[in-house]
């Protein structure tokens, strides 16, 4: 079972210097428009994860990992878990290790998400970490989502091209989507602390310059129309009664019995539309869908769940809640005073003071709470603490 990631055990989240990075200007001029190289914008930068720790994660069965090896012009892909002895068997061929959702396991890596808080919580997918030997990479390709590539250790040469689409030709490979032709338009070598932002569909190729090259890829959710319709319908179907069927009382005789009449088509389509277009139901579903961790089996719950009495005692001692940096918090305001809070795929209905707390938890990592809280607020805190989504500042 994965352990909770309490914020008080994490050094302060790295901070972007305003004089080096302007979020408003970035969103206006670059977000989903064009790449941006940001040279060492941090107030202070240190690599948050040791290469050996990353290799250790790749050996675990509940962690998604891959190894890409390039031999001449041939690329091979191995899926994890990676056997420990494999790292010593690769030889001199350049290779890359990629580990998904490292923020779920390493607090210092989870803290990398916080500087990008100018973007909606629900859009953030995970932090993938890669390690490469000299010349290692995954080849020229493009992604369907936005990504910030933070150079953590060593150096990497990035080459980018003009925006592509699904019609571009790919090399024949069962596992890797590598471009057959890659026309480079810009090129940079990133040093530790540098950031490269890439919008969706921008071809890119990153190659390690020297050994011990580590890159942190902060990727963003970009659900496709197909995915949304499929997942939304899968959620709807169990709640629709089998005997909820088409009826047509008052049916008149048709001139041609072979015609599917316009009134019949309108009623049939309405049977579907009234379910699919229920905005409140969609919002309640999507909040859970969008905040579900990449590894849905991840478990941050403490060994001993807290009680309501424990909540009151902990808040009386310090009165401060700390959000798990790896948890996903979002909310939707429904009609009236209802706030639907979504945390790691679970929803909570909150009103009044509980709704105010829910919204603050989505916006702030550290939230002070008045010990004289209502029963509804205490119950919300108890539920979130029992899931490992928050901790108390006074926790060991």
Protein backbone atom coordinates (compact mmCIF):
# COMPACT_ATOMS: atom_id res chain seq x y z
CA UNK A 1 0.00 0.00 0.00
CA UNK A 2 1.32 3.46 -0.89
CA UNK A 3 1.95 5.76 2.03
CA UNK A 4 0.27 9.13 2.55
CA UNK A 5 2.15 12.15 1.26
CA UNK A 6 1.75 14.72 4.07
CA UNK A 7 2.67 18.26 3.01
CA UNK A 8 4.45 18.96 6.28
CA UNK A 9 7.03 16.34 5.27
CA UNK A 10 7.73 18.21 2.01
CA UNK A 11 10.05 21.19 1.66
CA UNK A 12 8.28 24.34 0.54
CA UNK A 13 7.07 24.01 -3.04
CA UNK A 14 9.53 25.50 -5.53
CA UNK A 15 8.53 29.02 -6.49
CA UNK A 16 8.52 30.69 -9.90
CA UNK A 17 9.96 34.21 -9.83
CA UNK A 18 7.43 36.77 -11.18
CA UNK A 19 10.19 38.72 -12.91
CA UNK A 20 11.08 35.60 -14.92
CA UNK A 21 7.59 34.23 -15.56
CA UNK A 22 4.28 36.09 -15.94
CA UNK A 23 1.32 33.64 -15.81
CA UNK A 24 -1.14 36.11 -17.36
CA UNK A 25 1.17 36.83 -20.29
CA UNK A 26 1.87 33.11 -20.70
CA UNK A 27 -1.83 32.23 -20.86
CA UNK A 28 -2.47 35.05 -23.32
CA UNK A 29 0.45 34.50 -25.69
CA UNK A 30 1.58 30.87 -25.39
CA UNK A 31 -0.92 28.49 -23.77
CA UNK A 32 -2.09 26.14 -26.55
CA UNK A 33 -0.51 28.48 -29.12
CA UNK A 34 3.26 28.02 -29.30
CA UNK A 35 6.26 26.66 -27.36
CA UNK A 36 8.06 28.73 -24.75
CA UNK A 37 11.53 28.26 -23.30
CA UNK A 38 11.84 29.63 -19.74
CA UNK A 39 15.40 29.86 -18.51
CA UNK A 40 15.80 29.01 -14.81
CA UNK A 41 12.76 30.89 -13.48
CA UNK A 42 12.94 29.39 -9.98
CA UNK A 43 13.73 31.33 -6.84
CA UNK A 44 15.87 28.29 -6.01
CA UNK A 45 16.17 24.98 -7.82
CA UNK A 46 17.35 21.58 -6.65
CA UNK A 47 16.67 18.23 -8.27
CA UNK A 48 13.86 16.64 -6.18
CA UNK A 49 14.57 12.96 -6.90
CA UNK A 50 17.71 10.84 -6.97
CA UNK A 51 18.17 8.63 -10.09
CA UNK A 52 18.48 5.52 -7.91
CA UNK A 53 15.12 6.31 -6.28
CA UNK A 54 13.51 6.57 -9.73
CA UNK A 55 15.01 3.22 -10.71
CA UNK A 56 13.62 1.73 -7.50
CA UNK A 57 10.12 2.93 -8.36
CA UNK A 58 10.41 1.40 -11.84
CA UNK A 59 11.01 -1.99 -10.21
CA UNK A 60 7.67 -1.89 -8.34
CA UNK A 61 4.69 -3.74 -9.79
CA UNK A 62 2.16 -1.03 -8.95
CA UNK A 63 4.11 1.73 -10.72
CA UNK A 64 3.75 2.32 -14.47
CA UNK A 65 7.18 2.43 -16.11
CA UNK A 66 8.88 1.93 -19.47
CA UNK A 67 12.41 1.62 -20.81
CA UNK A 68 13.28 2.78 -24.33
CA UNK A 69 16.58 1.63 -25.86
CA UNK A 70 18.00 2.96 -29.13
CA UNK A 71 20.40 0.74 -31.05
CA UNK A 72 21.55 2.48 -34.27
CA UNK A 73 18.21 3.47 -35.82
CA UNK A 74 16.20 0.75 -34.07
CA UNK A 75 14.01 1.59 -31.09
CA UNK A 76 12.78 -0.95 -28.56
CA UNK A 77 10.30 -0.52 -25.71
CA UNK A 78 10.07 -2.57 -22.53
CA UNK A 79 7.19 -2.19 -20.09
CA UNK A 80 7.77 -2.37 -16.35
CA UNK A 81 8.16 -3.48 -13.73
CA UNK A 82 11.83 -3.33 -14.69
CA UNK A 83 14.02 -6.01 -13.13
CA UNK A 84 16.80 -4.45 -11.04
CA UNK A 85 19.50 -6.34 -12.93
CA UNK A 86 18.20 -4.99 -16.27
CA UNK A 87 19.87 -1.63 -15.68
CA UNK A 88 23.28 -3.28 -15.76
CA UNK A 89 22.51 -5.26 -18.92
CA UNK A 90 21.70 -2.46 -21.35
CA UNK A 91 25.31 -1.98 -22.40
CA UNK A 92 26.48 1.11 -24.27
CA UNK A 93 23.27 1.71 -26.23
CA UNK A 94 21.55 4.97 -25.21
CA UNK A 95 18.50 4.29 -23.07
CA UNK A 96 15.73 6.14 -21.27
CA UNK A 97 13.68 5.15 -18.24
CA UNK A 98 10.21 6.73 -17.93
CA UNK A 99 8.09 6.47 -14.79
CA UNK A 100 4.51 7.77 -14.71
CA UNK A 101 2.72 9.49 -11.82
CA UNK A 102 5.81 9.83 -9.66
CA UNK A 103 3.95 12.60 -7.82
CA UNK A 104 1.75 9.83 -6.36
CA UNK A 105 4.76 8.35 -4.58
CA UNK A 106 7.32 11.10 -3.89
CA UNK A 107 6.27 14.24 -1.96
CA UNK A 108 9.11 16.34 -3.36
CA UNK A 109 7.96 15.56 -6.91
CA UNK A 110 4.31 16.24 -6.03
CA UNK A 111 5.40 19.69 -4.85
CA UNK A 112 6.41 20.51 -8.44
CA UNK A 113 2.73 20.82 -9.35
CA UNK A 114 2.11 23.79 -7.05
CA UNK A 115 4.02 26.42 -9.10
CA UNK A 116 1.63 25.75 -11.97
CA UNK A 117 -1.41 26.59 -9.84
CA UNK A 118 -2.38 29.34 -12.28
CA UNK A 119 -3.98 26.51 -14.30
CA UNK A 120 -7.18 24.67 -13.22
CA UNK A 121 -6.61 21.78 -10.83
CA UNK A 122 -8.64 19.33 -12.92
CA UNK A 123 -6.43 19.85 -15.97
CA UNK A 124 -3.30 18.48 -14.28
CA UNK A 125 -2.71 14.79 -15.05
CA UNK A 126 0.53 13.74 -13.38
CA UNK A 127 4.29 14.20 -13.22
CA UNK A 128 6.24 11.74 -15.32
CA UNK A 129 9.97 11.51 -14.62
CA UNK A 130 12.54 10.33 -17.14
CA UNK A 131 16.18 9.38 -16.73
CA UNK A 132 18.47 9.02 -19.76
CA UNK A 133 22.05 8.11 -20.50
CA UNK A 134 24.06 10.10 -23.04
CA UNK A 135 22.14 10.15 -26.32
CA UNK A 136 19.03 8.64 -24.74
CA UNK A 137 15.53 9.74 -25.65
CA UNK A 138 12.24 8.39 -26.97
CA UNK A 139 12.53 9.70 -30.54
CA UNK A 140 10.65 12.44 -32.43
CA UNK A 141 6.93 12.34 -31.63
CA UNK A 142 4.04 14.56 -30.59
CA UNK A 143 1.53 14.47 -27.76
CA UNK A 144 -2.16 15.40 -27.67
CA UNK A 145 -1.84 17.42 -24.47
CA UNK A 146 0.08 20.35 -22.98
CA UNK A 147 3.27 19.67 -21.08
CA UNK A 148 5.86 21.56 -19.06
CA UNK A 149 9.27 19.88 -19.33
CA UNK A 150 11.39 20.80 -16.31
CA UNK A 151 15.06 19.88 -16.56
CA UNK A 152 16.00 18.43 -13.20
CA UNK A 153 19.50 17.05 -13.60
CA UNK A 154 22.07 17.09 -16.41
CA UNK A 155 21.35 18.53 -19.83
CA UNK A 156 18.92 17.69 -22.64
CA UNK A 157 18.74 18.98 -26.21
CA UNK A 158 15.19 19.64 -27.34
CA UNK A 159 14.26 20.06 -30.99
CA UNK A 160 10.72 21.08 -31.98
CA UNK A 161 8.85 21.35 -35.27
CA UNK A 162 5.68 22.79 -36.73
CA UNK A 163 2.33 21.58 -35.33
CA UNK A 164 1.25 18.17 -36.62
CA UNK A 165 -1.97 16.18 -36.63
CA UNK A 166 -3.08 12.56 -36.78
CA UNK A 167 -2.53 12.48 -40.55
CA UNK A 168 1.28 12.62 -40.25
CA UNK A 169 3.13 9.45 -41.18
CA UNK A 170 4.63 7.33 -38.40
CA UNK A 171 7.41 4.80 -38.43
CA UNK A 172 6.25 1.16 -38.32
CA UNK A 173 6.45 0.27 -34.62
CA UNK A 174 3.94 -1.60 -32.49
CA UNK A 175 4.54 0.41 -29.33
CA UNK A 176 6.13 3.79 -30.17
CA UNK A 177 4.46 6.55 -32.20
CA UNK A 178 7.60 7.94 -33.86
CA UNK A 179 7.44 10.41 -36.73
CA UNK A 180 8.66 9.24 -40.12
CA UNK A 181 9.73 12.78 -41.04
CA UNK A 182 10.71 15.44 -38.52
CA UNK A 183 11.47 18.96 -39.70
CA UNK A 184 13.17 20.95 -36.94
CA UNK A 185 12.21 24.62 -36.54
CA UNK A 186 13.82 25.42 -33.16
CA UNK A 187 16.44 23.85 -30.91
CA UNK A 188 17.61 24.45 -27.33
CA UNK A 189 19.79 22.76 -24.73
CA UNK A 190 18.14 22.85 -21.31
CA UNK A 191 20.16 23.15 -18.10
CA UNK A 192 18.90 22.20 -14.60
CA UNK A 193 15.93 24.39 -13.68
CA UNK A 194 15.05 25.36 -17.25
CA UNK A 195 11.46 24.78 -18.42
CA UNK A 196 10.15 24.10 -21.91
CA UNK A 197 6.41 24.45 -22.48
CA UNK A 198 4.93 22.57 -25.43
CA UNK A 199 1.31 22.90 -26.61
CA UNK A 200 -0.56 19.88 -27.97
CA UNK A 201 0.49 18.44 -31.34
CA UNK A 202 3.93 20.09 -31.47
CA UNK A 203 6.50 17.51 -32.66
CA UNK A 204 9.51 17.30 -30.36
CA UNK A 205 12.58 15.22 -29.69
CA UNK A 206 14.59 15.34 -26.47
CA UNK A 207 18.06 13.80 -26.36
CA UNK A 208 20.29 13.61 -23.28
CA UNK A 209 23.56 15.53 -23.56
CA UNK A 210 25.77 13.52 -21.22
CA UNK A 211 24.77 10.95 -18.62
CA UNK A 212 22.47 11.38 -15.59
CA UNK A 213 19.86 13.42 -17.44
CA UNK A 214 16.55 13.76 -15.58
CA UNK A 215 13.44 15.55 -16.82
CA UNK A 216 10.13 16.15 -15.05
CA UNK A 217 7.14 16.21 -17.41
CA UNK A 218 4.09 17.91 -15.93
CA UNK A 219 1.33 16.69 -18.21
CA UNK A 220 -2.25 17.90 -18.52
CA UNK A 221 -5.54 16.10 -19.01
CA UNK A 222 -7.04 16.57 -22.47
CA UNK A 223 -10.03 14.22 -22.70
CA UNK A 224 -11.18 13.51 -26.24
CA UNK A 225 -14.80 13.76 -27.29
CA UNK A 226 -14.77 9.99 -27.80
CA UNK A 227 -13.45 9.35 -24.28
CA UNK A 228 -15.97 11.69 -22.68
CA UNK A 229 -18.97 10.21 -24.47
CA UNK A 230 -17.86 6.65 -23.77
CA UNK A 231 -17.10 7.22 -20.09
CA UNK A 232 -20.20 9.35 -19.46
CA UNK A 233 -22.47 6.77 -21.09
CA UNK A 234 -20.84 3.94 -19.14
CA UNK A 235 -21.69 5.83 -15.95
CA UNK A 236 -25.25 6.59 -17.04
CA UNK A 237 -26.32 3.14 -18.16
CA UNK A 238 -26.56 1.40 -14.74
CA UNK A 239 -28.99 4.08 -13.57
CA UNK A 240 -31.39 3.77 -16.50
CA UNK A 241 -34.28 1.36 -15.97
CA UNK A 242 -34.61 -1.47 -18.49
CA UNK A 243 -38.35 -0.76 -18.89
CA UNK A 244 -37.80 2.94 -19.69
CA UNK A 245 -38.94 2.47 -23.28
CA UNK A 246 -40.31 4.36 -26.25
CA UNK A 247 -44.08 4.78 -26.32
CA UNK A 248 -46.38 6.45 -28.83
CA UNK A 249 -49.94 6.80 -27.54
CA UNK A 250 -52.13 8.66 -29.99
CA UNK A 251 -50.23 7.23 -32.97
CA UNK A 252 -51.88 8.22 -36.22
CA UNK A 253 -51.96 6.24 -39.46
CA UNK A 254 -49.09 7.06 -41.84
CA UNK A 255 -49.32 7.46 -45.61
CA UNK A 256 -46.34 5.09 -45.96
CA UNK A 257 -45.71 2.55 -43.24
CA UNK A 258 -42.02 2.38 -44.22
CA UNK A 259 -41.29 5.95 -43.07
CA UNK A 260 -39.70 6.67 -39.70
CA UNK A 261 -41.62 9.84 -39.03
CA UNK A 262 -40.15 13.13 -37.87
CA UNK A 263 -42.16 13.08 -34.60
CA UNK A 264 -40.89 9.55 -33.85
CA UNK A 265 -37.29 10.56 -34.53
CA UNK A 266 -37.66 13.64 -32.36
CA UNK A 267 -39.02 11.62 -29.46
CA UNK A 268 -36.35 8.92 -29.78
CA UNK A 269 -33.56 11.47 -29.86
CA UNK A 270 -35.08 13.28 -26.89
CA UNK A 271 -34.94 10.05 -24.88
CA UNK A 272 -31.16 10.15 -25.29
CA UNK A 273 -30.66 13.90 -25.11
CA UNK A 274 -32.52 14.43 -21.85
CA UNK A 275 -30.10 12.03 -20.17
CA UNK A 276 -26.92 13.25 -21.86
CA UNK A 277 -27.75 16.95 -21.45
CA UNK A 278 -28.47 16.86 -17.72
CA UNK A 279 -25.84 19.44 -16.75
CA UNK A 280 -25.96 18.82 -13.00
CA UNK A 281 -25.59 15.07 -13.46
CA UNK A 282 -22.74 15.59 -15.91
CA UNK A 283 -20.96 17.98 -13.53
CA UNK A 284 -21.26 15.50 -10.65
CA UNK A 285 -19.87 12.73 -12.86
CA UNK A 286 -17.12 14.77 -14.51
CA UNK A 287 -15.72 16.06 -11.22
CA UNK A 288 -15.10 12.48 -10.09
CA UNK A 289 -13.82 11.45 -13.52
CA UNK A 290 -11.37 14.36 -13.78
CA UNK A 291 -9.92 14.00 -10.27
CA UNK A 292 -9.43 10.23 -10.30
CA UNK A 293 -5.69 9.55 -9.94
CA UNK A 294 -3.90 8.03 -12.92
CA UNK A 295 -3.40 4.96 -10.75
CA UNK A 296 -6.93 4.54 -9.44
CA UNK A 297 -5.76 1.91 -6.93
CA UNK A 298 -3.45 4.33 -5.12
CA UNK A 299 -4.16 4.42 -1.39
CA UNK A 300 -2.94 7.25 0.84
CA UNK A 301 -5.19 6.46 3.79
CA UNK A 302 -3.56 6.40 7.23
CA UNK A 303 -3.28 3.10 9.06
CA UNK A 304 -5.62 4.37 11.80
CA UNK A 305 -8.56 6.50 10.58
CA UNK A 306 -9.28 9.57 12.66
CA UNK A 307 -12.50 10.07 14.61
CA UNK A 308 -14.61 13.20 14.96
CA UNK A 309 -13.16 13.62 18.43
CA UNK A 310 -9.71 13.31 16.89
CA UNK A 311 -10.55 16.05 14.40
CA UNK A 312 -11.60 18.44 17.16
CA UNK A 313 -8.50 17.59 19.21
CA UNK A 314 -6.10 18.07 16.29
CA UNK A 315 -7.61 21.41 15.34
CA UNK A 316 -7.57 22.57 18.95
CA UNK A 317 -3.84 21.80 18.97
CA UNK A 318 -3.04 23.76 15.83
CA UNK A 319 -6.06 24.42 13.71
CA UNK A 320 -4.25 23.92 10.38
CA UNK A 321 -5.01 21.48 7.56
CA UNK A 322 -2.39 20.47 4.99
CA UNK A 323 -3.47 19.21 1.59
CA UNK A 324 -1.80 16.10 0.20
CA UNK A 325 0.26 17.56 -2.65
CA UNK A 326 -0.47 14.51 -4.80
CA UNK A 327 -4.25 14.59 -4.31
CA UNK A 328 -6.51 16.21 -6.91
CA UNK A 329 -9.00 18.73 -5.50
CA UNK A 330 -11.68 20.46 -7.60
CA UNK A 331 -15.19 21.75 -7.05
CA UNK A 332 -18.37 22.75 -8.88
CA UNK A 333 -20.94 25.22 -7.57
CA UNK A 334 -24.44 23.88 -8.09
CA UNK A 335 -27.62 25.88 -7.89
CA UNK A 336 -28.11 27.53 -4.53
CA UNK A 337 -25.57 27.07 -1.75
CA UNK A 338 -24.31 23.67 -2.85
CA UNK A 339 -20.61 23.08 -3.47
CA UNK A 340 -19.70 19.70 -4.89
CA UNK A 341 -16.16 18.91 -3.79
CA UNK A 342 -14.24 16.30 -5.77
CA UNK A 343 -11.16 14.69 -4.27
CA UNK A 344 -9.33 11.83 -5.96
CA UNK A 345 -12.46 10.55 -7.67
CA UNK A 346 -14.84 10.93 -4.71
CA UNK A 347 -17.52 13.62 -4.38
CA UNK A 348 -18.74 15.43 -1.25
CA UNK A 349 -21.85 17.62 -1.03
CA UNK A 350 -20.98 20.71 0.99
CA UNK A 351 -23.07 23.70 2.05
CA UNK A 352 -22.45 26.73 4.24
CA UNK A 353 -19.16 26.65 6.16
CA UNK A 354 -18.33 23.20 4.74
CA UNK A 355 -18.68 24.61 1.23
CA UNK A 356 -16.40 27.53 2.11
CA UNK A 357 -13.78 25.11 3.46
CA UNK A 358 -14.08 22.91 0.36
CA UNK A 359 -13.32 25.83 -1.93
CA UNK A 360 -10.40 26.97 0.20
CA UNK A 361 -8.88 23.48 0.17
CA UNK A 362 -8.99 23.54 -3.63
CA UNK A 363 -7.10 26.83 -3.76
CA UNK A 364 -4.64 26.57 -0.85
CA UNK A 365 -2.20 23.92 0.36
CA UNK A 366 -2.35 25.11 3.97
CA UNK A 367 -5.71 26.05 5.48
CA UNK A 368 -6.29 27.35 9.02
CA UNK A 369 -9.60 26.23 10.53
CA UNK A 370 -11.44 27.68 13.51
CA UNK A 371 -11.60 24.98 16.24
CA UNK A 372 -15.24 25.98 16.84
CA UNK A 373 -16.30 24.34 13.61
CA UNK A 374 -19.72 22.93 12.74
CA UNK A 375 -20.51 19.22 12.69
CA UNK A 376 -20.68 19.31 8.86
CA UNK A 377 -17.18 20.81 8.64
CA UNK A 378 -15.80 18.28 11.12
CA UNK A 379 -17.36 15.41 9.15
CA UNK A 380 -15.80 16.68 5.92
CA UNK A 381 -12.37 16.97 7.54
CA UNK A 382 -12.71 13.49 9.03
CA UNK A 383 -13.59 11.98 5.64
CA UNK A 384 -10.72 13.70 3.82
CA UNK A 385 -8.21 12.85 6.53
CA UNK A 386 -9.30 9.20 6.54
CA UNK A 387 -8.59 9.05 2.80
CA UNK A 388 -5.15 10.61 3.23
CA UNK A 389 -6.18 13.62 1.15
CA UNK A 390 -5.34 16.02 3.99
CA UNK A 391 -3.28 15.86 7.15
CA UNK A 392 -3.11 17.97 10.29
CA UNK A 393 -0.09 20.15 10.83
CA UNK A 394 0.30 18.48 14.21
CA UNK A 395 0.51 14.95 12.70
CA UNK A 396 3.79 13.13 13.18
